[in-house]
Amino acid sequence: MLDAGDLDGACNRAYYAMFDAARAALIASGAPILPEAIRTHGGLISAFSLHLVKIGRVAVDLGRTINKAEDLRHLADYTGKSVDHEQAAWVVRQARVFVQVMRDEFMPRESGGRPEPS
């Protein structure tokens, strides 16, 4: 989407990749959360911060990244204003990093491509 010039769409999809990765990380971590608490953007981001960032399992900068990505997604989706190319490219880059870190930290068998020996 970024390469095709759909900056708002690229921002939206990149954020949702982060949202889904954060949700998967929370579930995989075994954090004591209620399913309904992570259905909303605010609920998920709060739970992610409380259960993964504040205890040090996820770097603080990644917590800030998902917050900023959500702000840009909101701008792109709801305000009638468009994000610029630099903002959209930033969100796409950060989403790649964020998803990979969540995969490596919370789903290591998935990122390596091979199951761990039993």
Protein backbone atom coordinates (compact mmCIF):
# COMPACT_ATOMS: atom_id res chain seq x y z
CA MET A 1 0.00 0.00 0.00
CA LEU A 2 2.87 2.34 0.80
CA ASP A 3 4.49 1.72 -2.57
CA ALA A 4 1.14 2.23 -4.32
CA GLY A 5 0.71 5.62 -2.64
CA ASP A 6 -2.11 4.65 -0.28
CA LEU A 7 -0.49 6.26 2.74
CA ASP A 8 -3.55 6.18 4.96
CA GLY A 9 -4.15 2.52 4.13
CA ALA A 10 -0.52 1.63 4.76
CA CYS A 11 -0.68 3.36 8.13
CA ASN A 12 -3.90 1.53 9.01
CA ARG A 13 -2.62 -1.93 8.04
CA ALA A 14 0.74 -1.41 9.76
CA TYR A 15 -0.96 -0.37 12.99
CA TYR A 16 -3.31 -3.36 12.89
CA ALA A 17 -0.33 -5.69 12.40
CA MET A 18 1.08 -4.22 15.61
CA PHE A 19 -2.30 -4.44 17.37
CA ASP A 20 -2.66 -8.12 16.49
CA ALA A 21 0.95 -8.88 17.45
CA ALA A 22 0.50 -7.13 20.81
CA ARG A 23 -2.70 -9.10 21.46
CA ALA A 24 -0.94 -12.38 20.55
CA ALA A 25 1.99 -11.47 22.82
CA LEU A 26 -0.33 -10.79 25.74
CA ILE A 27 -2.12 -14.08 25.26
CA ALA A 28 1.13 -16.03 24.77
CA SER A 29 2.67 -14.42 27.85
CA GLY A 30 -0.07 -15.78 30.08
CA ALA A 31 -0.75 -12.32 31.47
CA PRO A 32 -3.82 -12.27 33.74
CA ILE A 33 -6.14 -10.33 31.46
CA LEU A 34 -9.80 -10.64 30.65
CA PRO A 35 -10.54 -11.19 26.94
CA GLU A 36 -12.85 -8.17 26.83
CA ALA A 37 -10.06 -5.95 28.15
CA ILE A 38 -8.04 -6.40 24.96
CA ARG A 39 -10.82 -5.93 22.42
CA THR A 40 -10.51 -2.15 22.29
CA HIS A 41 -7.50 -0.14 21.19
CA GLY A 42 -7.14 1.60 24.53
CA GLY A 43 -7.69 -1.58 26.50
CA LEU A 44 -5.15 -3.52 24.51
CA ILE A 45 -2.50 -0.80 24.64
CA SER A 46 -3.04 -0.35 28.40
CA ALA A 47 -2.77 -4.09 29.04
CA PHE A 48 0.30 -4.33 26.81
CA SER A 49 1.96 -1.54 28.76
CA LEU A 50 1.00 -2.89 32.17
CA HIS A 51 1.74 -6.57 31.63
CA LEU A 52 4.65 -6.51 29.18
CA VAL A 53 6.35 -3.10 29.06
CA LYS A 54 6.29 -2.15 32.75
CA ILE A 55 7.70 -5.52 33.82
CA GLY A 56 10.51 -5.31 31.26
CA ARG A 57 9.53 -8.10 28.84
CA VAL A 58 9.08 -5.51 26.08
CA ALA A 59 11.23 -2.42 25.61
CA VAL A 60 9.69 0.92 26.53
CA ASP A 61 10.36 2.28 23.03
CA LEU A 62 8.09 -0.43 21.55
CA GLY A 63 5.35 0.61 23.95
CA ARG A 64 5.71 4.18 22.74
CA THR A 65 5.77 2.99 19.13
CA ILE A 66 2.40 1.28 19.29
CA ASN A 67 0.92 4.38 20.92
CA LYS A 68 2.27 6.67 18.20
CA ALA A 69 1.17 4.24 15.47
CA GLU A 70 -2.35 4.22 16.92
CA ASP A 71 -2.39 8.04 16.92
CA LEU A 72 -1.33 8.12 13.26
CA ARG A 73 -3.88 5.45 12.35
CA HIS A 74 -6.58 7.47 14.04
CA LEU A 75 -5.48 10.57 12.12
CA ALA A 76 -5.52 8.65 8.84
CA ASP A 77 -8.84 6.90 9.44
CA TYR A 78 -11.03 9.44 11.22
CA THR A 79 -9.94 13.05 10.92
CA GLY A 80 -10.14 13.62 7.18
CA LYS A 81 -6.46 14.53 7.25
CA SER A 82 -3.90 12.32 5.56
CA VAL A 83 -0.62 11.15 6.96
CA ASP A 84 2.39 12.13 4.90
CA HIS A 85 4.79 9.71 3.24
CA GLU A 86 7.40 10.04 5.98
CA GLN A 87 4.85 9.22 8.69
CA ALA A 88 3.41 6.26 6.79
CA ALA A 89 6.87 4.89 5.99
CA TRP A 90 7.82 5.22 9.67
CA VAL A 91 4.74 3.25 10.78
CA VAL A 92 5.41 0.51 8.21
CA ARG A 93 9.06 0.21 9.32
CA GLN A 94 8.10 0.16 12.97
CA ALA A 95 5.39 -2.44 12.39
CA ARG A 96 7.96 -4.79 10.83
CA VAL A 97 10.22 -4.41 13.86
CA PHE A 98 7.38 -4.64 16.37
CA VAL A 99 5.88 -7.79 14.85
CA GLN A 100 9.29 -9.48 14.63
CA VAL A 101 10.15 -8.67 18.25
CA MET A 102 6.78 -10.00 19.46
CA ARG A 103 7.26 -13.14 17.36
CA ASP A 104 10.81 -13.70 18.64
CA GLU A 105 9.94 -13.05 22.27
CA PHE A 106 6.56 -14.73 22.62
CA MET A 107 6.34 -17.24 19.76
CA PRO A 108 9.91 -18.43 19.19
CA ARG A 109 8.95 -21.61 17.36
CA GLU A 110 7.01 -19.58 14.81
CA SER A 111 9.87 -17.21 13.97
CA GLY A 112 12.52 -19.87 13.46
CA GLY A 113 10.50 -21.81 10.94
CA ARG A 114 11.27 -25.14 12.65
CA PRO A 115 9.65 -26.64 15.70
CA GLU A 116 11.87 -27.03 18.73
CA PRO A 117 12.89 -30.66 19.42
CA SER A 118 10.80 -32.41 22.07
